[in-house]
Structure formats: structure tokens, C-alpha cells
Amino acid sequence: PLMFYVIAAIRDVTGVGPFALARF
């Protein structure tokens, strides 16, 4: 689960969308 918690935290804090996160 580690990176899914990281994904959750990044998206929660920054509001970045799924495509932008997966691209950058």
C-alpha cells in the first residue's frame, strides 16, 4: 500500500489530477 498512500496524500494536499500525477 505504500505508494497508494503517497498518491492519496499528494492528491489530497495539491489537488493534482490523475493524469498530471501519472505524467510528472
PDBML (XML) file of the C-alpha atoms, coordinates in Angstrom:
<?xml version="1.0" encoding="UTF-8" ?>
<PDBx:datablock datablockName="MODEL"
   xmlns:PDBx="http://pdbml.pdb.org/schema/pdbx-v50.xsd"
   xmlns:xsi="http://www.w3.org/2001/XMLSchema-instance"
   xsi:schemaLocation="http://pdbml.pdb.org/schema/pdbx-v50.xsd pdbx-v50.xsd">
   <PDBx:atom_siteCategory>
      <PDBx:atom_site id="1">
         <PDBx:B_iso_or_equiv>0.00</PDBx:B_iso_or_equiv>
         <PDBx:Cartn_x>0.000</PDBx:Cartn_x>
         <PDBx:Cartn_y>0.000</PDBx:Cartn_y>
         <PDBx:Cartn_z>0.000</PDBx:Cartn_z>
         <PDBx:auth_asym_id>A</PDBx:auth_asym_id>
         <PDBx:auth_atom_id>CA</PDBx:auth_atom_id>
         <PDBx:auth_comp_id>PRO</PDBx:auth_comp_id>
         <PDBx:auth_seq_id>1</PDBx:auth_seq_id>
         <PDBx:group_PDB>ATOM</PDBx:group_PDB>
         <PDBx:label_alt_id xsi:nil="true" />
         <PDBx:label_asym_id>A</PDBx:label_asym_id>
         <PDBx:label_atom_id>CA</PDBx:label_atom_id>
         <PDBx:label_comp_id>PRO</PDBx:label_comp_id>
         <PDBx:label_entity_id>1</PDBx:label_entity_id>
         <PDBx:label_seq_id>1</PDBx:label_seq_id>
         <PDBx:occupancy>1.00</PDBx:occupancy>
         <PDBx:pdbx_PDB_model_num>1</PDBx:pdbx_PDB_model_num>
         <PDBx:type_symbol>C</PDBx:type_symbol>
      </PDBx:atom_site>
      <PDBx:atom_site id="2">
         <PDBx:B_iso_or_equiv>0.00</PDBx:B_iso_or_equiv>
         <PDBx:Cartn_x>2.837</PDBx:Cartn_x>
         <PDBx:Cartn_y>2.489</PDBx:Cartn_y>
         <PDBx:Cartn_z>0.458</PDBx:Cartn_z>
         <PDBx:auth_asym_id>A</PDBx:auth_asym_id>
         <PDBx:auth_atom_id>CA</PDBx:auth_atom_id>
         <PDBx:auth_comp_id>LEU</PDBx:auth_comp_id>
         <PDBx:auth_seq_id>2</PDBx:auth_seq_id>
         <PDBx:group_PDB>ATOM</PDBx:group_PDB>
         <PDBx:label_alt_id xsi:nil="true" />
         <PDBx:label_asym_id>A</PDBx:label_asym_id>
         <PDBx:label_atom_id>CA</PDBx:label_atom_id>
         <PDBx:label_comp_id>LEU</PDBx:label_comp_id>
         <PDBx:label_entity_id>1</PDBx:label_entity_id>
         <PDBx:label_seq_id>2</PDBx:label_seq_id>
         <PDBx:occupancy>1.00</PDBx:occupancy>
         <PDBx:pdbx_PDB_model_num>1</PDBx:pdbx_PDB_model_num>
         <PDBx:type_symbol>C</PDBx:type_symbol>
      </PDBx:atom_site>
      <PDBx:atom_site id="3">
         <PDBx:B_iso_or_equiv>0.00</PDBx:B_iso_or_equiv>
         <PDBx:Cartn_x>2.649</PDBx:Cartn_x>
         <PDBx:Cartn_y>4.356</PDBx:Cartn_y>
         <PDBx:Cartn_z>-2.832</PDBx:Cartn_z>
         <PDBx:auth_asym_id>A</PDBx:auth_asym_id>
         <PDBx:auth_atom_id>CA</PDBx:auth_atom_id>
         <PDBx:auth_comp_id>MET</PDBx:auth_comp_id>
         <PDBx:auth_seq_id>3</PDBx:auth_seq_id>
         <PDBx:group_PDB>ATOM</PDBx:group_PDB>
         <PDBx:label_alt_id xsi:nil="true" />
         <PDBx:label_asym_id>A</PDBx:label_asym_id>
         <PDBx:label_atom_id>CA</PDBx:label_atom_id>
         <PDBx:label_comp_id>MET</PDBx:label_comp_id>
         <PDBx:label_entity_id>1</PDBx:label_entity_id>
         <PDBx:label_seq_id>3</PDBx:label_seq_id>
         <PDBx:occupancy>1.00</PDBx:occupancy>
         <PDBx:pdbx_PDB_model_num>1</PDBx:pdbx_PDB_model_num>
         <PDBx:type_symbol>C</PDBx:type_symbol>
      </PDBx:atom_site>
      <PDBx:atom_site id="4">
         <PDBx:B_iso_or_equiv>0.00</PDBx:B_iso_or_equiv>
         <PDBx:Cartn_x>-1.143</PDBx:Cartn_x>
         <PDBx:Cartn_y>4.433</PDBx:Cartn_y>
         <PDBx:Cartn_z>-2.836</PDBx:Cartn_z>
         <PDBx:auth_asym_id>A</PDBx:auth_asym_id>
         <PDBx:auth_atom_id>CA</PDBx:auth_atom_id>
         <PDBx:auth_comp_id>PHE</PDBx:auth_comp_id>
         <PDBx:auth_seq_id>4</PDBx:auth_seq_id>
         <PDBx:group_PDB>ATOM</PDBx:group_PDB>
         <PDBx:label_alt_id xsi:nil="true" />
         <PDBx:label_asym_id>A</PDBx:label_asym_id>
         <PDBx:label_atom_id>CA</PDBx:label_atom_id>
         <PDBx:label_comp_id>PHE</PDBx:label_comp_id>
         <PDBx:label_entity_id>1</PDBx:label_entity_id>
         <PDBx:label_seq_id>4</PDBx:label_seq_id>
         <PDBx:occupancy>1.00</PDBx:occupancy>
         <PDBx:pdbx_PDB_model_num>1</PDBx:pdbx_PDB_model_num>
         <PDBx:type_symbol>C</PDBx:type_symbol>
      </PDBx:atom_site>
      <PDBx:atom_site id="5">
         <PDBx:B_iso_or_equiv>0.00</PDBx:B_iso_or_equiv>
         <PDBx:Cartn_x>-0.988</PDBx:Cartn_x>
         <PDBx:Cartn_y>6.303</PDBx:Cartn_y>
         <PDBx:Cartn_z>0.451</PDBx:Cartn_z>
         <PDBx:auth_asym_id>A</PDBx:auth_asym_id>
         <PDBx:auth_atom_id>CA</PDBx:auth_atom_id>
         <PDBx:auth_comp_id>TYR</PDBx:auth_comp_id>
         <PDBx:auth_seq_id>5</PDBx:auth_seq_id>
         <PDBx:group_PDB>ATOM</PDBx:group_PDB>
         <PDBx:label_alt_id xsi:nil="true" />
         <PDBx:label_asym_id>A</PDBx:label_asym_id>
         <PDBx:label_atom_id>CA</PDBx:label_atom_id>
         <PDBx:label_comp_id>TYR</PDBx:label_comp_id>
         <PDBx:label_entity_id>1</PDBx:label_entity_id>
         <PDBx:label_seq_id>5</PDBx:label_seq_id>
         <PDBx:occupancy>1.00</PDBx:occupancy>
         <PDBx:pdbx_PDB_model_num>1</PDBx:pdbx_PDB_model_num>
         <PDBx:type_symbol>C</PDBx:type_symbol>
      </PDBx:atom_site>
      <PDBx:atom_site id="6">
         <PDBx:B_iso_or_equiv>0.00</PDBx:B_iso_or_equiv>
         <PDBx:Cartn_x>1.569</PDBx:Cartn_x>
         <PDBx:Cartn_y>8.628</PDBx:Cartn_y>
         <PDBx:Cartn_z>-1.156</PDBx:Cartn_z>
         <PDBx:auth_asym_id>A</PDBx:auth_asym_id>
         <PDBx:auth_atom_id>CA</PDBx:auth_atom_id>
         <PDBx:auth_comp_id>VAL</PDBx:auth_comp_id>
         <PDBx:auth_seq_id>6</PDBx:auth_seq_id>
         <PDBx:group_PDB>ATOM</PDBx:group_PDB>
         <PDBx:label_alt_id xsi:nil="true" />
         <PDBx:label_asym_id>A</PDBx:label_asym_id>
         <PDBx:label_atom_id>CA</PDBx:label_atom_id>
         <PDBx:label_comp_id>VAL</PDBx:label_comp_id>
         <PDBx:label_entity_id>1</PDBx:label_entity_id>
         <PDBx:label_seq_id>6</PDBx:label_seq_id>
         <PDBx:occupancy>1.00</PDBx:occupancy>
         <PDBx:pdbx_PDB_model_num>1</PDBx:pdbx_PDB_model_num>
         <PDBx:type_symbol>C</PDBx:type_symbol>
      </PDBx:atom_site>
      <PDBx:atom_site id="7">
         <PDBx:B_iso_or_equiv>0.00</PDBx:B_iso_or_equiv>
         <PDBx:Cartn_x>-0.787</PDBx:Cartn_x>
         <PDBx:Cartn_y>9.124</PDBx:Cartn_y>
         <PDBx:Cartn_z>-4.115</PDBx:Cartn_z>
         <PDBx:auth_asym_id>A</PDBx:auth_asym_id>
         <PDBx:auth_atom_id>CA</PDBx:auth_atom_id>
         <PDBx:auth_comp_id>ILE</PDBx:auth_comp_id>
         <PDBx:auth_seq_id>7</PDBx:auth_seq_id>
         <PDBx:group_PDB>ATOM</PDBx:group_PDB>
         <PDBx:label_alt_id xsi:nil="true" />
         <PDBx:label_asym_id>A</PDBx:label_asym_id>
         <PDBx:label_atom_id>CA</PDBx:label_atom_id>
         <PDBx:label_comp_id>ILE</PDBx:label_comp_id>
         <PDBx:label_entity_id>1</PDBx:label_entity_id>
         <PDBx:label_seq_id>7</PDBx:label_seq_id>
         <PDBx:occupancy>1.00</PDBx:occupancy>
         <PDBx:pdbx_PDB_model_num>1</PDBx:pdbx_PDB_model_num>
         <PDBx:type_symbol>C</PDBx:type_symbol>
      </PDBx:atom_site>
      <PDBx:atom_site id="8">
         <PDBx:B_iso_or_equiv>0.00</PDBx:B_iso_or_equiv>
         <PDBx:Cartn_x>-3.668</PDBx:Cartn_x>
         <PDBx:Cartn_y>9.838</PDBx:Cartn_y>
         <PDBx:Cartn_z>-1.727</PDBx:Cartn_z>
         <PDBx:auth_asym_id>A</PDBx:auth_asym_id>
         <PDBx:auth_atom_id>CA</PDBx:auth_atom_id>
         <PDBx:auth_comp_id>ALA</PDBx:auth_comp_id>
         <PDBx:auth_seq_id>8</PDBx:auth_seq_id>
         <PDBx:group_PDB>ATOM</PDBx:group_PDB>
         <PDBx:label_alt_id xsi:nil="true" />
         <PDBx:label_asym_id>A</PDBx:label_asym_id>
         <PDBx:label_atom_id>CA</PDBx:label_atom_id>
         <PDBx:label_comp_id>ALA</PDBx:label_comp_id>
         <PDBx:label_entity_id>1</PDBx:label_entity_id>
         <PDBx:label_seq_id>8</PDBx:label_seq_id>
         <PDBx:occupancy>1.00</PDBx:occupancy>
         <PDBx:pdbx_PDB_model_num>1</PDBx:pdbx_PDB_model_num>
         <PDBx:type_symbol>C</PDBx:type_symbol>
      </PDBx:atom_site>
      <PDBx:atom_site id="9">
         <PDBx:B_iso_or_equiv>0.00</PDBx:B_iso_or_equiv>
         <PDBx:Cartn_x>-1.628</PDBx:Cartn_x>
         <PDBx:Cartn_y>12.387</PDBx:Cartn_y>
         <PDBx:Cartn_z>0.221</PDBx:Cartn_z>
         <PDBx:auth_asym_id>A</PDBx:auth_asym_id>
         <PDBx:auth_atom_id>CA</PDBx:auth_atom_id>
         <PDBx:auth_comp_id>ALA</PDBx:auth_comp_id>
         <PDBx:auth_seq_id>9</PDBx:auth_seq_id>
         <PDBx:group_PDB>ATOM</PDBx:group_PDB>
         <PDBx:label_alt_id xsi:nil="true" />
         <PDBx:label_asym_id>A</PDBx:label_asym_id>
         <PDBx:label_atom_id>CA</PDBx:label_atom_id>
         <PDBx:label_comp_id>ALA</PDBx:label_comp_id>
         <PDBx:label_entity_id>1</PDBx:label_entity_id>
         <PDBx:label_seq_id>9</PDBx:label_seq_id>
         <PDBx:occupancy>1.00</PDBx:occupancy>
         <PDBx:pdbx_PDB_model_num>1</PDBx:pdbx_PDB_model_num>
         <PDBx:type_symbol>C</PDBx:type_symbol>
      </PDBx:atom_site>
      <PDBx:atom_site id="10">
         <PDBx:B_iso_or_equiv>0.00</PDBx:B_iso_or_equiv>
         <PDBx:Cartn_x>-0.283</PDBx:Cartn_x>
         <PDBx:Cartn_y>14.170</PDBx:Cartn_y>
         <PDBx:Cartn_z>-2.879</PDBx:Cartn_z>
         <PDBx:auth_asym_id>A</PDBx:auth_asym_id>
         <PDBx:auth_atom_id>CA</PDBx:auth_atom_id>
         <PDBx:auth_comp_id>ILE</PDBx:auth_comp_id>
         <PDBx:auth_seq_id>10</PDBx:auth_seq_id>
         <PDBx:group_PDB>ATOM</PDBx:group_PDB>
         <PDBx:label_alt_id xsi:nil="true" />
         <PDBx:label_asym_id>A</PDBx:label_asym_id>
         <PDBx:label_atom_id>CA</PDBx:label_atom_id>
         <PDBx:label_comp_id>ILE</PDBx:label_comp_id>
         <PDBx:label_entity_id>1</PDBx:label_entity_id>
         <PDBx:label_seq_id>10</PDBx:label_seq_id>
         <PDBx:occupancy>1.00</PDBx:occupancy>
         <PDBx:pdbx_PDB_model_num>1</PDBx:pdbx_PDB_model_num>
         <PDBx:type_symbol>C</PDBx:type_symbol>
      </PDBx:atom_site>
      <PDBx:atom_site id="11">
         <PDBx:B_iso_or_equiv>0.00</PDBx:B_iso_or_equiv>
         <PDBx:Cartn_x>-3.704</PDBx:Cartn_x>
         <PDBx:Cartn_y>14.450</PDBx:Cartn_y>
         <PDBx:Cartn_z>-4.468</PDBx:Cartn_z>
         <PDBx:auth_asym_id>A</PDBx:auth_asym_id>
         <PDBx:auth_atom_id>CA</PDBx:auth_atom_id>
         <PDBx:auth_comp_id>ARG</PDBx:auth_comp_id>
         <PDBx:auth_seq_id>11</PDBx:auth_seq_id>
         <PDBx:group_PDB>ATOM</PDBx:group_PDB>
         <PDBx:label_alt_id xsi:nil="true" />
         <PDBx:label_asym_id>A</PDBx:label_asym_id>
         <PDBx:label_atom_id>CA</PDBx:label_atom_id>
         <PDBx:label_comp_id>ARG</PDBx:label_comp_id>
         <PDBx:label_entity_id>1</PDBx:label_entity_id>
         <PDBx:label_seq_id>11</PDBx:label_seq_id>
         <PDBx:occupancy>1.00</PDBx:occupancy>
         <PDBx:pdbx_PDB_model_num>1</PDBx:pdbx_PDB_model_num>
         <PDBx:type_symbol>C</PDBx:type_symbol>
      </PDBx:atom_site>
      <PDBx:atom_site id="12">
         <PDBx:B_iso_or_equiv>0.00</PDBx:B_iso_or_equiv>
         <PDBx:Cartn_x>-5.315</PDBx:Cartn_x>
         <PDBx:Cartn_y>15.450</PDBx:Cartn_y>
         <PDBx:Cartn_z>-1.185</PDBx:Cartn_z>
         <PDBx:auth_asym_id>A</PDBx:auth_asym_id>
         <PDBx:auth_atom_id>CA</PDBx:auth_atom_id>
         <PDBx:auth_comp_id>ASP</PDBx:auth_comp_id>
         <PDBx:auth_seq_id>12</PDBx:auth_seq_id>
         <PDBx:group_PDB>ATOM</PDBx:group_PDB>
         <PDBx:label_alt_id xsi:nil="true" />
         <PDBx:label_asym_id>A</PDBx:label_asym_id>
         <PDBx:label_atom_id>CA</PDBx:label_atom_id>
         <PDBx:label_comp_id>ASP</PDBx:label_comp_id>
         <PDBx:label_entity_id>1</PDBx:label_entity_id>
         <PDBx:label_seq_id>12</PDBx:label_seq_id>
         <PDBx:occupancy>1.00</PDBx:occupancy>
         <PDBx:pdbx_PDB_model_num>1</PDBx:pdbx_PDB_model_num>
         <PDBx:type_symbol>C</PDBx:type_symbol>
      </PDBx:atom_site>
      <PDBx:atom_site id="13">
         <PDBx:B_iso_or_equiv>0.00</PDBx:B_iso_or_equiv>
         <PDBx:Cartn_x>-2.822</PDBx:Cartn_x>
         <PDBx:Cartn_y>18.217</PDBx:Cartn_y>
         <PDBx:Cartn_z>-0.490</PDBx:Cartn_z>
         <PDBx:auth_asym_id>A</PDBx:auth_asym_id>
         <PDBx:auth_atom_id>CA</PDBx:auth_atom_id>
         <PDBx:auth_comp_id>VAL</PDBx:auth_comp_id>
         <PDBx:auth_seq_id>13</PDBx:auth_seq_id>
         <PDBx:group_PDB>ATOM</PDBx:group_PDB>
         <PDBx:label_alt_id xsi:nil="true" />
         <PDBx:label_asym_id>A</PDBx:label_asym_id>
         <PDBx:label_atom_id>CA</PDBx:label_atom_id>
         <PDBx:label_comp_id>VAL</PDBx:label_comp_id>
         <PDBx:label_entity_id>1</PDBx:label_entity_id>
         <PDBx:label_seq_id>13</PDBx:label_seq_id>
         <PDBx:occupancy>1.00</PDBx:occupancy>
         <PDBx:pdbx_PDB_model_num>1</PDBx:pdbx_PDB_model_num>
         <PDBx:type_symbol>C</PDBx:type_symbol>
      </PDBx:atom_site>
      <PDBx:atom_site id="14">
         <PDBx:B_iso_or_equiv>0.00</PDBx:B_iso_or_equiv>
         <PDBx:Cartn_x>-2.193</PDBx:Cartn_x>
         <PDBx:Cartn_y>19.549</PDBx:Cartn_y>
         <PDBx:Cartn_z>-4.003</PDBx:Cartn_z>
         <PDBx:auth_asym_id>A</PDBx:auth_asym_id>
         <PDBx:auth_atom_id>CA</PDBx:auth_atom_id>
         <PDBx:auth_comp_id>THR</PDBx:auth_comp_id>
         <PDBx:auth_seq_id>14</PDBx:auth_seq_id>
         <PDBx:group_PDB>ATOM</PDBx:group_PDB>
         <PDBx:label_alt_id xsi:nil="true" />
         <PDBx:label_asym_id>A</PDBx:label_asym_id>
         <PDBx:label_atom_id>CA</PDBx:label_atom_id>
         <PDBx:label_comp_id>THR</PDBx:label_comp_id>
         <PDBx:label_entity_id>1</PDBx:label_entity_id>
         <PDBx:label_seq_id>14</PDBx:label_seq_id>
         <PDBx:occupancy>1.00</PDBx:occupancy>
         <PDBx:pdbx_PDB_model_num>1</PDBx:pdbx_PDB_model_num>
         <PDBx:type_symbol>C</PDBx:type_symbol>
      </PDBx:atom_site>
      <PDBx:atom_site id="15">
         <PDBx:B_iso_or_equiv>0.00</PDBx:B_iso_or_equiv>
         <PDBx:Cartn_x>-5.436</PDBx:Cartn_x>
         <PDBx:Cartn_y>18.777</PDBx:Cartn_y>
         <PDBx:Cartn_z>-5.816</PDBx:Cartn_z>
         <PDBx:auth_asym_id>A</PDBx:auth_asym_id>
         <PDBx:auth_atom_id>CA</PDBx:auth_atom_id>
         <PDBx:auth_comp_id>GLY</PDBx:auth_comp_id>
         <PDBx:auth_seq_id>15</PDBx:auth_seq_id>
         <PDBx:group_PDB>ATOM</PDBx:group_PDB>
         <PDBx:label_alt_id xsi:nil="true" />
         <PDBx:label_asym_id>A</PDBx:label_asym_id>
         <PDBx:label_atom_id>CA</PDBx:label_atom_id>
         <PDBx:label_comp_id>GLY</PDBx:label_comp_id>
         <PDBx:label_entity_id>1</PDBx:label_entity_id>
         <PDBx:label_seq_id>15</PDBx:label_seq_id>
         <PDBx:occupancy>1.00</PDBx:occupancy>
         <PDBx:pdbx_PDB_model_num>1</PDBx:pdbx_PDB_model_num>
         <PDBx:type_symbol>C</PDBx:type_symbol>
      </PDBx:atom_site>
      <PDBx:atom_site id="16">
         <PDBx:B_iso_or_equiv>0.00</PDBx:B_iso_or_equiv>
         <PDBx:Cartn_x>-3.440</PDBx:Cartn_x>
         <PDBx:Cartn_y>17.485</PDBx:Cartn_y>
         <PDBx:Cartn_z>-8.795</PDBx:Cartn_z>
         <PDBx:auth_asym_id>A</PDBx:auth_asym_id>
         <PDBx:auth_atom_id>CA</PDBx:auth_atom_id>
         <PDBx:auth_comp_id>VAL</PDBx:auth_comp_id>
         <PDBx:auth_seq_id>16</PDBx:auth_seq_id>
         <PDBx:group_PDB>ATOM</PDBx:group_PDB>
         <PDBx:label_alt_id xsi:nil="true" />
         <PDBx:label_asym_id>A</PDBx:label_asym_id>
         <PDBx:label_atom_id>CA</PDBx:label_atom_id>
         <PDBx:label_comp_id>VAL</PDBx:label_comp_id>
         <PDBx:label_entity_id>1</PDBx:label_entity_id>
         <PDBx:label_seq_id>16</PDBx:label_seq_id>
         <PDBx:occupancy>1.00</PDBx:occupancy>
         <PDBx:pdbx_PDB_model_num>1</PDBx:pdbx_PDB_model_num>
         <PDBx:type_symbol>C</PDBx:type_symbol>
      </PDBx:atom_site>
      <PDBx:atom_site id="17">
         <PDBx:B_iso_or_equiv>0.00</PDBx:B_iso_or_equiv>
         <PDBx:Cartn_x>-5.417</PDBx:Cartn_x>
         <PDBx:Cartn_y>15.332</PDBx:Cartn_y>
         <PDBx:Cartn_z>-11.228</PDBx:Cartn_z>
         <PDBx:auth_asym_id>A</PDBx:auth_asym_id>
         <PDBx:auth_atom_id>CA</PDBx:auth_atom_id>
         <PDBx:auth_comp_id>GLY</PDBx:auth_comp_id>
         <PDBx:auth_seq_id>17</PDBx:auth_seq_id>
         <PDBx:group_PDB>ATOM</PDBx:group_PDB>
         <PDBx:label_alt_id xsi:nil="true" />
         <PDBx:label_asym_id>A</PDBx:label_asym_id>
         <PDBx:label_atom_id>CA</PDBx:label_atom_id>
         <PDBx:label_comp_id>GLY</PDBx:label_comp_id>
         <PDBx:label_entity_id>1</PDBx:label_entity_id>
         <PDBx:label_seq_id>17</PDBx:label_seq_id>
         <PDBx:occupancy>1.00</PDBx:occupancy>
         <PDBx:pdbx_PDB_model_num>1</PDBx:pdbx_PDB_model_num>
         <PDBx:type_symbol>C</PDBx:type_symbol>
      </PDBx:atom_site>
      <PDBx:atom_site id="18">
         <PDBx:B_iso_or_equiv>0.00</PDBx:B_iso_or_equiv>
         <PDBx:Cartn_x>-4.738</PDBx:Cartn_x>
         <PDBx:Cartn_y>11.677</PDBx:Cartn_y>
         <PDBx:Cartn_z>-12.029</PDBx:Cartn_z>
         <PDBx:auth_asym_id>A</PDBx:auth_asym_id>
         <PDBx:auth_atom_id>CA</PDBx:auth_atom_id>
         <PDBx:auth_comp_id>PRO</PDBx:auth_comp_id>
         <PDBx:auth_seq_id>18</PDBx:auth_seq_id>
         <PDBx:group_PDB>ATOM</PDBx:group_PDB>
         <PDBx:label_alt_id xsi:nil="true" />
         <PDBx:label_asym_id>A</PDBx:label_asym_id>
         <PDBx:label_atom_id>CA</PDBx:label_atom_id>
         <PDBx:label_comp_id>PRO</PDBx:label_comp_id>
         <PDBx:label_entity_id>1</PDBx:label_entity_id>
         <PDBx:label_seq_id>18</PDBx:label_seq_id>
         <PDBx:occupancy>1.00</PDBx:occupancy>
         <PDBx:pdbx_PDB_model_num>1</PDBx:pdbx_PDB_model_num>
         <PDBx:type_symbol>C</PDBx:type_symbol>
      </PDBx:atom_site>
      <PDBx:atom_site id="19">
         <PDBx:B_iso_or_equiv>0.00</PDBx:B_iso_or_equiv>
         <PDBx:Cartn_x>-3.234</PDBx:Cartn_x>
         <PDBx:Cartn_y>12.272</PDBx:Cartn_y>
         <PDBx:Cartn_z>-15.464</PDBx:Cartn_z>
         <PDBx:auth_asym_id>A</PDBx:auth_asym_id>
         <PDBx:auth_atom_id>CA</PDBx:auth_atom_id>
         <PDBx:auth_comp_id>PHE</PDBx:auth_comp_id>
         <PDBx:auth_seq_id>19</PDBx:auth_seq_id>
         <PDBx:group_PDB>ATOM</PDBx:group_PDB>
         <PDBx:label_alt_id xsi:nil="true" />
         <PDBx:label_asym_id>A</PDBx:label_asym_id>
         <PDBx:label_atom_id>CA</PDBx:label_atom_id>
         <PDBx:label_comp_id>PHE</PDBx:label_comp_id>
         <PDBx:label_entity_id>1</PDBx:label_entity_id>
         <PDBx:label_seq_id>19</PDBx:label_seq_id>
         <PDBx:occupancy>1.00</PDBx:occupancy>
         <PDBx:pdbx_PDB_model_num>1</PDBx:pdbx_PDB_model_num>
         <PDBx:type_symbol>C</PDBx:type_symbol>
      </PDBx:atom_site>
      <PDBx:atom_site id="20">
         <PDBx:B_iso_or_equiv>0.00</PDBx:B_iso_or_equiv>
         <PDBx:Cartn_x>-0.895</PDBx:Cartn_x>
         <PDBx:Cartn_y>15.044</PDBx:Cartn_y>
         <PDBx:Cartn_z>-14.305</PDBx:Cartn_z>
         <PDBx:auth_asym_id>A</PDBx:auth_asym_id>
         <PDBx:auth_atom_id>CA</PDBx:auth_atom_id>
         <PDBx:auth_comp_id>ALA</PDBx:auth_comp_id>
         <PDBx:auth_seq_id>20</PDBx:auth_seq_id>
         <PDBx:group_PDB>ATOM</PDBx:group_PDB>
         <PDBx:label_alt_id xsi:nil="true" />
         <PDBx:label_asym_id>A</PDBx:label_asym_id>
         <PDBx:label_atom_id>CA</PDBx:label_atom_id>
         <PDBx:label_comp_id>ALA</PDBx:label_comp_id>
         <PDBx:label_entity_id>1</PDBx:label_entity_id>
         <PDBx:label_seq_id>20</PDBx:label_seq_id>
         <PDBx:occupancy>1.00</PDBx:occupancy>
         <PDBx:pdbx_PDB_model_num>1</PDBx:pdbx_PDB_model_num>
         <PDBx:type_symbol>C</PDBx:type_symbol>
      </PDBx:atom_site>
      <PDBx:atom_site id="21">
         <PDBx:B_iso_or_equiv>0.00</PDBx:B_iso_or_equiv>
         <PDBx:Cartn_x>0.317</PDBx:Cartn_x>
         <PDBx:Cartn_y>12.969</PDBx:Cartn_y>
         <PDBx:Cartn_z>-11.359</PDBx:Cartn_z>
         <PDBx:auth_asym_id>A</PDBx:auth_asym_id>
         <PDBx:auth_atom_id>CA</PDBx:auth_atom_id>
         <PDBx:auth_comp_id>LEU</PDBx:auth_comp_id>
         <PDBx:auth_seq_id>21</PDBx:auth_seq_id>
         <PDBx:group_PDB>ATOM</PDBx:group_PDB>
         <PDBx:label_alt_id xsi:nil="true" />
         <PDBx:label_asym_id>A</PDBx:label_asym_id>
         <PDBx:label_atom_id>CA</PDBx:label_atom_id>
         <PDBx:label_comp_id>LEU</PDBx:label_comp_id>
         <PDBx:label_entity_id>1</PDBx:label_entity_id>
         <PDBx:label_seq_id>21</PDBx:label_seq_id>
         <PDBx:occupancy>1.00</PDBx:occupancy>
         <PDBx:pdbx_PDB_model_num>1</PDBx:pdbx_PDB_model_num>
         <PDBx:type_symbol>C</PDBx:type_symbol>
      </PDBx:atom_site>
      <PDBx:atom_site id="22">
         <PDBx:B_iso_or_equiv>0.00</PDBx:B_iso_or_equiv>
         <PDBx:Cartn_x>0.933</PDBx:Cartn_x>
         <PDBx:Cartn_y>9.904</PDBx:Cartn_y>
         <PDBx:Cartn_z>-13.532</PDBx:Cartn_z>
         <PDBx:auth_asym_id>A</PDBx:auth_asym_id>
         <PDBx:auth_atom_id>CA</PDBx:auth_atom_id>
         <PDBx:auth_comp_id>ALA</PDBx:auth_comp_id>
         <PDBx:auth_seq_id>22</PDBx:auth_seq_id>
         <PDBx:group_PDB>ATOM</PDBx:group_PDB>
         <PDBx:label_alt_id xsi:nil="true" />
         <PDBx:label_asym_id>A</PDBx:label_asym_id>
         <PDBx:label_atom_id>CA</PDBx:label_atom_id>
         <PDBx:label_comp_id>ALA</PDBx:label_comp_id>
         <PDBx:label_entity_id>1</PDBx:label_entity_id>
         <PDBx:label_seq_id>22</PDBx:label_seq_id>
         <PDBx:occupancy>1.00</PDBx:occupancy>
         <PDBx:pdbx_PDB_model_num>1</PDBx:pdbx_PDB_model_num>
         <PDBx:type_symbol>C</PDBx:type_symbol>
      </PDBx:atom_site>
      <PDBx:atom_site id="23">
         <PDBx:B_iso_or_equiv>0.00</PDBx:B_iso_or_equiv>
         <PDBx:Cartn_x>2.710</PDBx:Cartn_x>
         <PDBx:Cartn_y>12.016</PDBx:Cartn_y>
         <PDBx:Cartn_z>-16.148</PDBx:Cartn_z>
         <PDBx:auth_asym_id>A</PDBx:auth_asym_id>
         <PDBx:auth_atom_id>CA</PDBx:auth_atom_id>
         <PDBx:auth_comp_id>ARG</PDBx:auth_comp_id>
         <PDBx:auth_seq_id>23</PDBx:auth_seq_id>
         <PDBx:group_PDB>ATOM</PDBx:group_PDB>
         <PDBx:label_alt_id xsi:nil="true" />
         <PDBx:label_asym_id>A</PDBx:label_asym_id>
         <PDBx:label_atom_id>CA</PDBx:label_atom_id>
         <PDBx:label_comp_id>ARG</PDBx:label_comp_id>
         <PDBx:label_entity_id>1</PDBx:label_entity_id>
         <PDBx:label_seq_id>23</PDBx:label_seq_id>
         <PDBx:occupancy>1.00</PDBx:occupancy>
         <PDBx:pdbx_PDB_model_num>1</PDBx:pdbx_PDB_model_num>
         <PDBx:type_symbol>C</PDBx:type_symbol>
      </PDBx:atom_site>
      <PDBx:atom_site id="24">
         <PDBx:B_iso_or_equiv>0.00</PDBx:B_iso_or_equiv>
         <PDBx:Cartn_x>5.047</PDBx:Cartn_x>
         <PDBx:Cartn_y>14.045</PDBx:Cartn_y>
         <PDBx:Cartn_z>-13.914</PDBx:Cartn_z>
         <PDBx:auth_asym_id>A</PDBx:auth_asym_id>
         <PDBx:auth_atom_id>CA</PDBx:auth_atom_id>
         <PDBx:auth_comp_id>PHE</PDBx:auth_comp_id>
         <PDBx:auth_seq_id>24</PDBx:auth_seq_id>
         <PDBx:group_PDB>ATOM</PDBx:group_PDB>
         <PDBx:label_alt_id xsi:nil="true" />
         <PDBx:label_asym_id>A</PDBx:label_asym_id>
         <PDBx:label_atom_id>CA</PDBx:label_atom_id>
         <PDBx:label_comp_id>PHE</PDBx:label_comp_id>
         <PDBx:label_entity_id>1</PDBx:label_entity_id>
         <PDBx:label_seq_id>24</PDBx:label_seq_id>
         <PDBx:occupancy>1.00</PDBx:occupancy>
         <PDBx:pdbx_PDB_model_num>1</PDBx:pdbx_PDB_model_num>
         <PDBx:type_symbol>C</PDBx:type_symbol>
      </PDBx:atom_site>
   </PDBx:atom_siteCategory>
</PDBx:datablock>
